[in-house]
N, C-alpha and C. Protein backbone atom coordinates (compact mmCIF):
# COMPACT_ATOMS: atom_id res chain seq x y z
N MET A 1 19.00 -14.69 -6.50
CA MET A 1 18.17 -15.76 -6.00
C MET A 1 18.25 -16.93 -6.99
N THR A 2 18.51 -18.13 -6.48
CA THR A 2 18.62 -19.29 -7.35
C THR A 2 17.25 -19.75 -7.81
N GLU A 3 17.22 -20.56 -8.89
CA GLU A 3 15.94 -21.07 -9.40
C GLU A 3 15.28 -21.98 -8.37
N ASP A 4 16.08 -22.82 -7.66
CA ASP A 4 15.51 -23.67 -6.62
C ASP A 4 14.84 -22.84 -5.55
N CYS A 5 15.51 -21.77 -5.15
CA CYS A 5 14.98 -20.86 -4.13
C CYS A 5 13.67 -20.25 -4.60
N GLN A 6 13.63 -19.84 -5.89
CA GLN A 6 12.41 -19.24 -6.44
C GLN A 6 11.27 -20.25 -6.43
N ASN A 7 11.54 -21.50 -6.83
CA ASN A 7 10.50 -22.53 -6.85
C ASN A 7 9.98 -22.81 -5.46
N ILE A 8 10.88 -22.92 -4.49
CA ILE A 8 10.46 -23.15 -3.10
C ILE A 8 9.61 -21.98 -2.64
N SER A 9 10.04 -20.76 -2.96
CA SER A 9 9.28 -19.58 -2.56
C SER A 9 7.90 -19.56 -3.21
N LYS A 10 7.81 -19.94 -4.48
CA LYS A 10 6.51 -19.97 -5.16
C LYS A 10 5.61 -21.03 -4.54
N GLU A 11 6.18 -22.18 -4.21
CA GLU A 11 5.38 -23.23 -3.56
C GLU A 11 4.90 -22.76 -2.19
N HIS A 12 5.81 -22.14 -1.45
CA HIS A 12 5.44 -21.63 -0.12
C HIS A 12 4.39 -20.53 -0.25
N ALA A 13 4.56 -19.63 -1.21
CA ALA A 13 3.60 -18.55 -1.42
C ALA A 13 2.23 -19.12 -1.77
N ALA A 14 2.19 -20.16 -2.59
CA ALA A 14 0.92 -20.78 -2.96
C ALA A 14 0.24 -21.40 -1.73
N ALA A 15 1.04 -22.01 -0.85
CA ALA A 15 0.49 -22.60 0.38
C ALA A 15 -0.07 -21.51 1.29
N VAL A 16 0.63 -20.40 1.39
CA VAL A 16 0.14 -19.27 2.20
C VAL A 16 -1.13 -18.71 1.57
N ALA A 17 -1.14 -18.57 0.25
CA ALA A 17 -2.29 -18.00 -0.46
C ALA A 17 -3.56 -18.80 -0.18
N ARG A 18 -3.44 -20.10 -0.06
CA ARG A 18 -4.62 -20.93 0.20
C ARG A 18 -5.24 -20.62 1.57
N ARG A 19 -4.45 -20.04 2.47
CA ARG A 19 -4.94 -19.71 3.81
C ARG A 19 -5.47 -18.29 3.92
N ILE A 20 -5.25 -17.48 2.90
CA ILE A 20 -5.70 -16.08 2.93
C ILE A 20 -7.17 -16.02 2.51
N ASP A 21 -8.00 -15.50 3.41
CA ASP A 21 -9.45 -15.49 3.15
C ASP A 21 -10.03 -14.09 2.99
N ARG A 22 -9.16 -13.09 2.85
CA ARG A 22 -9.61 -11.70 2.67
C ARG A 22 -8.51 -10.93 1.96
N PRO A 23 -8.80 -9.72 1.52
CA PRO A 23 -7.79 -8.96 0.78
C PRO A 23 -6.57 -8.62 1.63
N VAL A 24 -5.42 -8.61 1.01
CA VAL A 24 -4.20 -8.09 1.64
C VAL A 24 -4.15 -6.62 1.24
N VAL A 25 -4.15 -5.74 2.24
CA VAL A 25 -4.23 -4.30 1.98
C VAL A 25 -2.92 -3.65 2.41
N LEU A 26 -2.23 -3.05 1.46
CA LEU A 26 -0.93 -2.44 1.71
C LEU A 26 -1.10 -0.97 2.08
N VAL A 27 -0.49 -0.59 3.20
CA VAL A 27 -0.55 0.79 3.69
C VAL A 27 0.86 1.29 3.91
N GLY A 28 1.03 2.61 3.95
CA GLY A 28 2.34 3.21 4.18
C GLY A 28 2.46 4.50 3.40
N LEU A 29 3.54 5.21 3.66
CA LEU A 29 3.76 6.49 3.01
C LEU A 29 3.93 6.35 1.50
N MET A 30 3.68 7.44 0.80
CA MET A 30 3.94 7.48 -0.63
C MET A 30 5.40 7.12 -0.88
N GLY A 31 5.64 6.32 -1.89
CA GLY A 31 7.01 5.98 -2.26
C GLY A 31 7.55 4.71 -1.63
N VAL A 32 6.80 4.07 -0.72
CA VAL A 32 7.33 2.84 -0.10
C VAL A 32 7.28 1.67 -1.07
N GLY A 33 6.49 1.80 -2.13
CA GLY A 33 6.42 0.74 -3.13
C GLY A 33 5.14 -0.06 -3.08
N LYS A 34 4.08 0.51 -2.52
CA LYS A 34 2.84 -0.25 -2.38
C LYS A 34 2.33 -0.80 -3.71
N SER A 35 2.37 0.02 -4.75
CA SER A 35 1.85 -0.42 -6.05
C SER A 35 2.76 -1.47 -6.69
N THR A 36 4.04 -1.20 -6.72
CA THR A 36 4.97 -2.14 -7.35
C THR A 36 5.08 -3.43 -6.56
N VAL A 37 5.24 -3.32 -5.25
CA VAL A 37 5.32 -4.51 -4.39
C VAL A 37 3.99 -5.26 -4.44
N GLY A 38 2.88 -4.51 -4.43
CA GLY A 38 1.56 -5.14 -4.48
C GLY A 38 1.37 -5.98 -5.72
N SER A 39 1.83 -5.48 -6.85
CA SER A 39 1.74 -6.23 -8.09
C SER A 39 2.57 -7.51 -8.02
N ARG A 40 3.78 -7.41 -7.47
CA ARG A 40 4.64 -8.60 -7.32
C ARG A 40 4.03 -9.59 -6.34
N LEU A 41 3.48 -9.07 -5.24
CA LEU A 41 2.85 -9.92 -4.23
C LEU A 41 1.66 -10.68 -4.83
N ALA A 42 0.83 -9.98 -5.57
CA ALA A 42 -0.32 -10.62 -6.21
C ALA A 42 0.12 -11.75 -7.13
N GLY A 43 1.20 -11.52 -7.87
CA GLY A 43 1.74 -12.58 -8.72
C GLY A 43 2.22 -13.78 -7.92
N LEU A 44 2.88 -13.50 -6.80
CA LEU A 44 3.38 -14.59 -5.95
C LEU A 44 2.27 -15.45 -5.40
N ILE A 45 1.17 -14.81 -4.98
CA ILE A 45 0.10 -15.58 -4.33
C ILE A 45 -1.04 -15.93 -5.28
N GLY A 46 -0.86 -15.58 -6.56
CA GLY A 46 -1.86 -15.97 -7.56
C GLY A 46 -3.20 -15.27 -7.39
N ARG A 47 -3.16 -14.01 -7.01
CA ARG A 47 -4.38 -13.23 -6.82
C ARG A 47 -4.32 -11.99 -7.71
N ASP A 48 -5.44 -11.28 -7.80
CA ASP A 48 -5.42 -10.06 -8.59
C ASP A 48 -4.90 -8.90 -7.75
N PHE A 49 -4.51 -7.84 -8.44
CA PHE A 49 -3.98 -6.64 -7.80
C PHE A 49 -4.76 -5.43 -8.27
N VAL A 50 -5.01 -4.52 -7.35
CA VAL A 50 -5.66 -3.26 -7.72
C VAL A 50 -5.03 -2.13 -6.91
N ASP A 51 -4.84 -1.01 -7.58
CA ASP A 51 -4.31 0.19 -6.93
C ASP A 51 -5.50 1.11 -6.66
N ALA A 52 -5.78 1.38 -5.39
CA ALA A 52 -6.94 2.19 -5.02
C ALA A 52 -6.88 3.58 -5.66
N ASP A 53 -5.70 4.17 -5.73
CA ASP A 53 -5.58 5.51 -6.33
C ASP A 53 -6.02 5.49 -7.80
N GLN A 54 -5.64 4.45 -8.54
CA GLN A 54 -6.05 4.35 -9.94
C GLN A 54 -7.57 4.19 -10.05
N GLU A 55 -8.14 3.42 -9.12
CA GLU A 55 -9.59 3.22 -9.12
C GLU A 55 -10.32 4.51 -8.77
N ILE A 56 -9.76 5.31 -7.87
CA ILE A 56 -10.34 6.61 -7.53
C ILE A 56 -10.34 7.52 -8.75
N GLU A 57 -9.21 7.57 -9.45
CA GLU A 57 -9.11 8.41 -10.65
C GLU A 57 -10.10 7.96 -11.72
N LYS A 58 -10.25 6.65 -11.85
CA LYS A 58 -11.20 6.11 -12.83
C LYS A 58 -12.63 6.51 -12.46
N ALA A 59 -12.97 6.36 -11.18
CA ALA A 59 -14.33 6.69 -10.72
C ALA A 59 -14.62 8.19 -10.84
N ALA A 60 -13.63 9.02 -10.52
CA ALA A 60 -13.82 10.48 -10.55
C ALA A 60 -13.58 11.08 -11.93
N GLN A 61 -12.95 10.32 -12.81
CA GLN A 61 -12.57 10.78 -14.14
C GLN A 61 -11.71 12.05 -14.07
N ARG A 62 -10.82 12.05 -13.06
CA ARG A 62 -9.83 13.13 -12.92
C ARG A 62 -8.70 12.61 -12.06
N SER A 63 -7.57 13.31 -12.10
CA SER A 63 -6.40 12.86 -11.33
C SER A 63 -6.58 13.19 -9.85
N ILE A 64 -5.83 12.50 -9.02
CA ILE A 64 -5.87 12.77 -7.58
C ILE A 64 -5.44 14.21 -7.32
N ALA A 65 -4.42 14.67 -8.03
CA ALA A 65 -3.97 16.05 -7.86
C ALA A 65 -5.11 17.03 -8.17
N GLU A 66 -5.88 16.75 -9.21
CA GLU A 66 -7.01 17.62 -9.56
C GLU A 66 -8.10 17.58 -8.49
N ILE A 67 -8.37 16.38 -7.95
CA ILE A 67 -9.37 16.26 -6.90
C ILE A 67 -8.94 17.08 -5.68
N PHE A 68 -7.68 16.93 -5.27
CA PHE A 68 -7.15 17.70 -4.14
C PHE A 68 -7.31 19.20 -4.40
N GLU A 69 -6.89 19.61 -5.59
CA GLU A 69 -6.88 21.03 -5.92
C GLU A 69 -8.30 21.62 -5.99
N ASP A 70 -9.22 20.88 -6.62
CA ASP A 70 -10.57 21.39 -6.82
C ASP A 70 -11.49 21.24 -5.62
N PHE A 71 -11.30 20.18 -4.83
CA PHE A 71 -12.27 19.88 -3.77
C PHE A 71 -11.66 19.76 -2.38
N GLY A 72 -10.33 19.61 -2.28
CA GLY A 72 -9.68 19.50 -0.99
C GLY A 72 -9.48 18.06 -0.52
N GLU A 73 -8.66 17.93 0.51
CA GLU A 73 -8.30 16.59 1.00
C GLU A 73 -9.48 15.86 1.63
N ALA A 74 -10.33 16.56 2.39
CA ALA A 74 -11.45 15.89 3.07
C ALA A 74 -12.38 15.21 2.04
N TYR A 75 -12.67 15.92 0.96
CA TYR A 75 -13.50 15.36 -0.11
C TYR A 75 -12.83 14.12 -0.71
N PHE A 76 -11.53 14.26 -0.96
CA PHE A 76 -10.79 13.13 -1.53
C PHE A 76 -10.85 11.92 -0.60
N ARG A 77 -10.61 12.13 0.71
CA ARG A 77 -10.59 11.01 1.67
C ARG A 77 -11.94 10.30 1.73
N ASP A 78 -13.02 11.06 1.61
CA ASP A 78 -14.35 10.45 1.63
C ASP A 78 -14.53 9.53 0.42
N GLY A 79 -14.16 10.01 -0.75
CA GLY A 79 -14.24 9.18 -1.95
C GLY A 79 -13.31 7.99 -1.89
N GLU A 80 -12.12 8.21 -1.33
CA GLU A 80 -11.15 7.14 -1.18
C GLU A 80 -11.72 6.01 -0.31
N ARG A 81 -12.36 6.37 0.79
CA ARG A 81 -12.95 5.38 1.70
C ARG A 81 -14.01 4.55 0.97
N ARG A 82 -14.85 5.22 0.18
CA ARG A 82 -15.90 4.50 -0.55
C ARG A 82 -15.31 3.53 -1.57
N VAL A 83 -14.27 3.98 -2.27
CA VAL A 83 -13.64 3.11 -3.28
C VAL A 83 -12.97 1.92 -2.61
N ILE A 84 -12.25 2.14 -1.51
CA ILE A 84 -11.60 1.02 -0.81
C ILE A 84 -12.64 0.04 -0.27
N ALA A 85 -13.75 0.55 0.24
CA ALA A 85 -14.82 -0.34 0.73
C ALA A 85 -15.35 -1.21 -0.42
N ARG A 86 -15.55 -0.59 -1.58
CA ARG A 86 -16.03 -1.36 -2.74
C ARG A 86 -15.02 -2.42 -3.15
N LEU A 87 -13.75 -2.03 -3.20
CA LEU A 87 -12.71 -2.99 -3.60
C LEU A 87 -12.63 -4.15 -2.61
N MET A 88 -12.77 -3.85 -1.33
CA MET A 88 -12.71 -4.92 -0.33
C MET A 88 -13.93 -5.84 -0.42
N GLU A 89 -15.09 -5.26 -0.73
CA GLU A 89 -16.29 -6.08 -0.91
C GLU A 89 -16.13 -7.03 -2.09
N GLU A 90 -15.43 -6.56 -3.09
CA GLU A 90 -15.18 -7.40 -4.27
C GLU A 90 -14.14 -8.47 -3.98
N ARG A 91 -13.58 -8.44 -2.77
CA ARG A 91 -12.59 -9.41 -2.28
C ARG A 91 -11.38 -9.49 -3.20
N ARG A 92 -10.88 -8.35 -3.61
CA ARG A 92 -9.67 -8.31 -4.43
C ARG A 92 -8.53 -8.96 -3.66
N GLY A 93 -7.60 -9.53 -4.37
CA GLY A 93 -6.48 -10.21 -3.74
C GLY A 93 -5.55 -9.29 -2.98
N VAL A 94 -4.99 -8.30 -3.68
CA VAL A 94 -4.05 -7.36 -3.07
C VAL A 94 -4.49 -5.95 -3.47
N ILE A 95 -4.62 -5.08 -2.46
CA ILE A 95 -5.03 -3.70 -2.69
C ILE A 95 -3.93 -2.77 -2.18
N ALA A 96 -3.44 -1.90 -3.05
CA ALA A 96 -2.51 -0.85 -2.64
C ALA A 96 -3.33 0.40 -2.36
N THR A 97 -3.14 1.01 -1.19
CA THR A 97 -3.87 2.21 -0.84
C THR A 97 -2.98 3.43 -0.98
N GLY A 98 -3.59 4.60 -1.00
CA GLY A 98 -2.83 5.84 -0.98
C GLY A 98 -2.21 6.03 0.40
N GLY A 99 -1.18 6.87 0.47
CA GLY A 99 -0.43 7.07 1.70
C GLY A 99 -1.25 7.54 2.89
N GLY A 100 -2.32 8.30 2.66
CA GLY A 100 -3.11 8.82 3.77
C GLY A 100 -4.35 8.02 4.09
N ALA A 101 -4.64 6.99 3.32
CA ALA A 101 -5.88 6.23 3.51
C ALA A 101 -6.01 5.65 4.92
N PHE A 102 -4.96 5.06 5.43
CA PHE A 102 -5.01 4.36 6.72
C PHE A 102 -5.06 5.34 7.89
N VAL A 103 -4.83 6.62 7.64
CA VAL A 103 -4.90 7.64 8.68
C VAL A 103 -6.37 7.94 9.01
N ASP A 104 -7.24 7.84 8.01
CA ASP A 104 -8.66 8.08 8.22
C ASP A 104 -9.24 6.99 9.12
N PRO A 105 -9.87 7.36 10.25
CA PRO A 105 -10.34 6.35 11.21
C PRO A 105 -11.33 5.36 10.62
N GLU A 106 -12.26 5.82 9.79
CA GLU A 106 -13.25 4.90 9.21
C GLU A 106 -12.59 3.95 8.21
N THR A 107 -11.71 4.48 7.39
CA THR A 107 -11.01 3.63 6.41
C THR A 107 -10.13 2.62 7.14
N ARG A 108 -9.40 3.07 8.17
CA ARG A 108 -8.54 2.17 8.94
C ARG A 108 -9.36 1.05 9.58
N ALA A 109 -10.49 1.38 10.20
CA ALA A 109 -11.34 0.36 10.83
C ALA A 109 -11.84 -0.64 9.80
N LEU A 110 -12.23 -0.15 8.63
CA LEU A 110 -12.70 -1.01 7.55
C LEU A 110 -11.61 -2.00 7.13
N ILE A 111 -10.40 -1.49 6.95
CA ILE A 111 -9.27 -2.33 6.52
C ILE A 111 -8.92 -3.34 7.61
N LEU A 112 -8.84 -2.88 8.86
CA LEU A 112 -8.46 -3.78 9.96
C LEU A 112 -9.50 -4.88 10.16
N GLU A 113 -10.76 -4.56 9.95
CA GLU A 113 -11.82 -5.54 10.17
C GLU A 113 -11.97 -6.53 9.02
N ASN A 114 -11.76 -6.05 7.79
CA ASN A 114 -12.08 -6.88 6.62
C ASN A 114 -10.90 -7.27 5.75
N GLY A 115 -9.70 -6.89 6.16
CA GLY A 115 -8.54 -7.20 5.35
C GLY A 115 -7.37 -7.63 6.20
N ILE A 116 -6.26 -7.90 5.56
CA ILE A 116 -4.99 -8.15 6.23
C ILE A 116 -4.14 -6.92 5.94
N ALA A 117 -4.03 -6.03 6.93
CA ALA A 117 -3.30 -4.78 6.74
C ALA A 117 -1.81 -5.02 6.88
N VAL A 118 -1.05 -4.59 5.88
CA VAL A 118 0.40 -4.71 5.90
C VAL A 118 1.00 -3.32 5.73
N TRP A 119 1.74 -2.87 6.74
CA TRP A 119 2.43 -1.59 6.67
C TRP A 119 3.79 -1.82 6.02
N ILE A 120 3.98 -1.23 4.85
CA ILE A 120 5.29 -1.24 4.21
C ILE A 120 5.99 0.03 4.68
N ASP A 121 7.09 -0.14 5.39
CA ASP A 121 7.85 0.96 5.96
C ASP A 121 9.14 1.12 5.17
N CYS A 122 9.74 2.31 5.26
CA CYS A 122 10.92 2.59 4.45
C CYS A 122 11.66 3.78 5.04
N ALA A 123 12.97 3.84 4.84
CA ALA A 123 13.77 4.97 5.29
C ALA A 123 13.38 6.23 4.53
N ILE A 124 13.39 7.37 5.21
CA ILE A 124 12.99 8.65 4.60
C ILE A 124 13.85 8.99 3.38
N ASP A 125 15.17 8.79 3.46
CA ASP A 125 16.03 9.12 2.32
C ASP A 125 15.64 8.31 1.08
N THR A 126 15.28 7.06 1.28
CA THR A 126 14.84 6.23 0.16
C THR A 126 13.52 6.76 -0.40
N LEU A 127 12.62 7.18 0.49
CA LEU A 127 11.34 7.75 0.04
C LEU A 127 11.55 9.02 -0.79
N VAL A 128 12.46 9.87 -0.33
CA VAL A 128 12.74 11.11 -1.06
C VAL A 128 13.22 10.78 -2.47
N GLU A 129 14.13 9.83 -2.57
CA GLU A 129 14.66 9.45 -3.88
C GLU A 129 13.55 8.87 -4.76
N ARG A 130 12.73 7.98 -4.20
CA ARG A 130 11.67 7.35 -5.00
C ARG A 130 10.60 8.35 -5.42
N THR A 131 10.18 9.22 -4.51
CA THR A 131 9.10 10.15 -4.84
C THR A 131 9.56 11.25 -5.79
N SER A 132 10.86 11.48 -5.89
CA SER A 132 11.35 12.51 -6.81
C SER A 132 11.17 12.11 -8.26
N ARG A 133 10.89 10.83 -8.51
CA ARG A 133 10.71 10.34 -9.88
C ARG A 133 9.38 10.76 -10.48
N LYS A 134 8.40 11.09 -9.61
CA LYS A 134 7.07 11.49 -10.08
C LYS A 134 6.76 12.88 -9.57
N LYS A 135 6.15 13.69 -10.39
CA LYS A 135 5.77 15.05 -9.98
C LYS A 135 4.26 15.14 -9.73
N THR A 136 3.61 13.99 -9.52
CA THR A 136 2.15 13.95 -9.39
C THR A 136 1.68 13.84 -7.95
N ARG A 137 2.55 14.05 -6.99
CA ARG A 137 2.17 13.87 -5.59
C ARG A 137 1.80 15.23 -4.98
N PRO A 138 0.48 15.45 -4.75
CA PRO A 138 0.03 16.78 -4.32
C PRO A 138 0.63 17.23 -2.98
N LEU A 139 0.88 16.32 -2.08
CA LEU A 139 1.39 16.72 -0.76
C LEU A 139 2.87 17.12 -0.80
N LEU A 140 3.57 16.83 -1.89
CA LEU A 140 4.99 17.18 -1.99
C LEU A 140 5.24 18.40 -2.89
N ARG A 141 4.19 19.02 -3.35
CA ARG A 141 4.35 20.12 -4.31
C ARG A 141 4.91 21.40 -3.71
N ASN A 142 4.61 21.66 -2.45
CA ASN A 142 4.97 22.95 -1.86
C ASN A 142 5.91 22.78 -0.69
N GLY A 143 7.19 22.67 -0.96
CA GLY A 143 8.16 22.57 0.12
C GLY A 143 9.23 21.53 -0.14
N ASP A 144 10.06 21.35 0.86
CA ASP A 144 11.16 20.40 0.79
C ASP A 144 10.64 18.98 1.01
N PRO A 145 10.78 18.10 0.01
CA PRO A 145 10.24 16.75 0.14
C PRO A 145 10.75 16.00 1.39
N HIS A 146 12.03 16.18 1.75
CA HIS A 146 12.57 15.48 2.92
C HIS A 146 11.84 15.92 4.18
N GLU A 147 11.66 17.23 4.32
CA GLU A 147 10.95 17.75 5.49
C GLU A 147 9.50 17.30 5.51
N ILE A 148 8.84 17.34 4.36
CA ILE A 148 7.42 16.95 4.28
C ILE A 148 7.27 15.47 4.61
N LEU A 149 8.11 14.62 4.01
CA LEU A 149 8.01 13.18 4.27
C LEU A 149 8.34 12.85 5.72
N THR A 150 9.31 13.55 6.31
CA THR A 150 9.64 13.33 7.72
C THR A 150 8.44 13.71 8.60
N ARG A 151 7.82 14.83 8.31
CA ARG A 151 6.65 15.26 9.08
C ARG A 151 5.50 14.27 8.91
N LEU A 152 5.23 13.88 7.66
CA LEU A 152 4.16 12.91 7.41
C LEU A 152 4.42 11.60 8.13
N TYR A 153 5.68 11.17 8.13
CA TYR A 153 6.02 9.92 8.82
C TYR A 153 5.70 10.05 10.31
N ARG A 154 6.13 11.14 10.92
CA ARG A 154 5.87 11.34 12.36
C ARG A 154 4.37 11.37 12.64
N GLU A 155 3.62 12.06 11.78
CA GLU A 155 2.17 12.17 11.97
C GLU A 155 1.45 10.84 11.75
N ARG A 156 1.89 10.07 10.78
CA ARG A 156 1.15 8.87 10.38
C ARG A 156 1.63 7.59 11.04
N GLU A 157 2.82 7.58 11.57
CA GLU A 157 3.37 6.36 12.19
C GLU A 157 2.44 5.76 13.24
N PRO A 158 1.80 6.56 14.11
CA PRO A 158 0.89 5.95 15.09
C PRO A 158 -0.28 5.20 14.44
N PHE A 159 -0.68 5.62 13.26
CA PHE A 159 -1.77 4.95 12.55
C PHE A 159 -1.26 3.73 11.81
N TYR A 160 -0.16 3.89 11.07
CA TYR A 160 0.41 2.76 10.34
C TYR A 160 0.78 1.63 11.30
N SER A 161 1.24 1.97 12.48
CA SER A 161 1.68 0.95 13.44
C SER A 161 0.51 0.09 13.95
N GLN A 162 -0.71 0.49 13.65
CA GLN A 162 -1.86 -0.33 14.03
C GLN A 162 -2.07 -1.51 13.08
N ALA A 163 -1.40 -1.49 11.96
CA ALA A 163 -1.46 -2.64 11.05
C ALA A 163 -0.79 -3.82 11.75
N PRO A 164 -1.38 -4.99 11.69
CA PRO A 164 -0.80 -6.14 12.40
C PRO A 164 0.52 -6.64 11.81
N ILE A 165 0.82 -6.25 10.57
CA ILE A 165 2.03 -6.71 9.91
C ILE A 165 2.82 -5.49 9.44
N ARG A 166 4.12 -5.50 9.70
CA ARG A 166 5.01 -4.42 9.24
C ARG A 166 6.20 -5.06 8.55
N VAL A 167 6.49 -4.57 7.34
CA VAL A 167 7.60 -5.07 6.55
C VAL A 167 8.41 -3.87 6.06
N MET A 168 9.72 -3.97 6.15
CA MET A 168 10.60 -2.91 5.66
C MET A 168 10.86 -3.10 4.16
N SER A 169 10.78 -2.01 3.43
CA SER A 169 11.10 -1.99 2.01
C SER A 169 12.41 -1.23 1.87
N ASP A 170 13.42 -1.90 1.39
CA ASP A 170 14.71 -1.22 1.29
C ASP A 170 15.11 -1.07 -0.17
N GLU A 171 16.37 -0.90 -0.40
CA GLU A 171 16.87 -0.64 -1.75
C GLU A 171 16.81 -1.85 -2.67
N GLY A 172 16.57 -3.04 -2.13
CA GLY A 172 16.57 -4.26 -2.93
C GLY A 172 15.39 -4.34 -3.89
N PRO A 173 15.36 -5.40 -4.69
CA PRO A 173 14.26 -5.60 -5.64
C PRO A 173 12.92 -5.72 -4.90
N HIS A 174 11.87 -5.22 -5.54
CA HIS A 174 10.54 -5.24 -4.93
C HIS A 174 10.05 -6.66 -4.67
N ILE A 175 10.51 -7.62 -5.46
CA ILE A 175 10.09 -9.01 -5.24
C ILE A 175 10.55 -9.49 -3.86
N GLU A 176 11.68 -8.98 -3.38
CA GLU A 176 12.14 -9.36 -2.04
C GLU A 176 11.20 -8.85 -0.96
N THR A 177 10.71 -7.63 -1.13
CA THR A 177 9.73 -7.09 -0.18
C THR A 177 8.44 -7.91 -0.25
N ALA A 178 8.03 -8.28 -1.46
CA ALA A 178 6.82 -9.11 -1.61
C ALA A 178 7.00 -10.45 -0.90
N MET A 179 8.19 -11.03 -1.03
CA MET A 179 8.44 -12.31 -0.35
C MET A 179 8.44 -12.13 1.17
N LYS A 180 8.95 -11.00 1.65
CA LYS A 180 8.90 -10.72 3.09
C LYS A 180 7.45 -10.63 3.57
N ILE A 181 6.60 -10.06 2.73
CA ILE A 181 5.18 -9.96 3.09
C ILE A 181 4.55 -11.34 3.18
N VAL A 182 4.86 -12.21 2.22
CA VAL A 182 4.34 -13.58 2.26
C VAL A 182 4.73 -14.25 3.57
N GLU A 183 6.01 -14.10 3.93
CA GLU A 183 6.50 -14.72 5.19
C GLU A 183 5.78 -14.12 6.41
N ALA A 184 5.60 -12.80 6.40
CA ALA A 184 4.96 -12.13 7.54
C ALA A 184 3.48 -12.51 7.64
N VAL A 185 2.80 -12.61 6.51
CA VAL A 185 1.39 -13.03 6.51
C VAL A 185 1.30 -14.47 7.01
N ASP A 186 2.20 -15.31 6.56
CA ASP A 186 2.24 -16.70 7.00
C ASP A 186 2.35 -16.78 8.52
N ALA A 187 3.28 -16.00 9.08
CA ALA A 187 3.47 -16.01 10.54
C ALA A 187 2.24 -15.44 11.26
N TRP A 188 1.60 -14.44 10.67
CA TRP A 188 0.43 -13.81 11.30
C TRP A 188 -0.80 -14.71 11.28
N LEU A 189 -0.97 -15.45 10.16
CA LEU A 189 -2.12 -16.34 10.04
C LEU A 189 -2.00 -17.46 11.05
């Protein structure tokens, strides 16, 4: 990307940012890049970034894997919903959610009503490669990651598709996905 292109993109992103009146909430499967892309997006639009999973761990004073193991997924989802509601009330600029957050009907309704939901989508093979870098994903611990991610995609796609904005995250730099989100938000607004 040339410097002129970057400057034009930054100017355009700033113009789009002035029109954004609520949090941009990133949804999608684990490994699509919600946290990394979210951080880049926040930088582009001059807003703050928060990762809901990190905030959940901070509030619970334990890891997500520990919460799943000790209390189960339903308990985790309830806490996740409360944390996302708090973050949205604080009007954070960009919020990255956990992969299952948007599947929960109450959490999804909250995000759709009070945020700009952006589904970051990605090819399964890319997800398998990305998620293999971390061993902290409780849903991938028992079984073949490709099979698990394919099943999760099939199960969650009907929910993710309710987000008004969908952007593909491919092998390119995360800043490119962030720029695609700026363009998609611009068109949606």
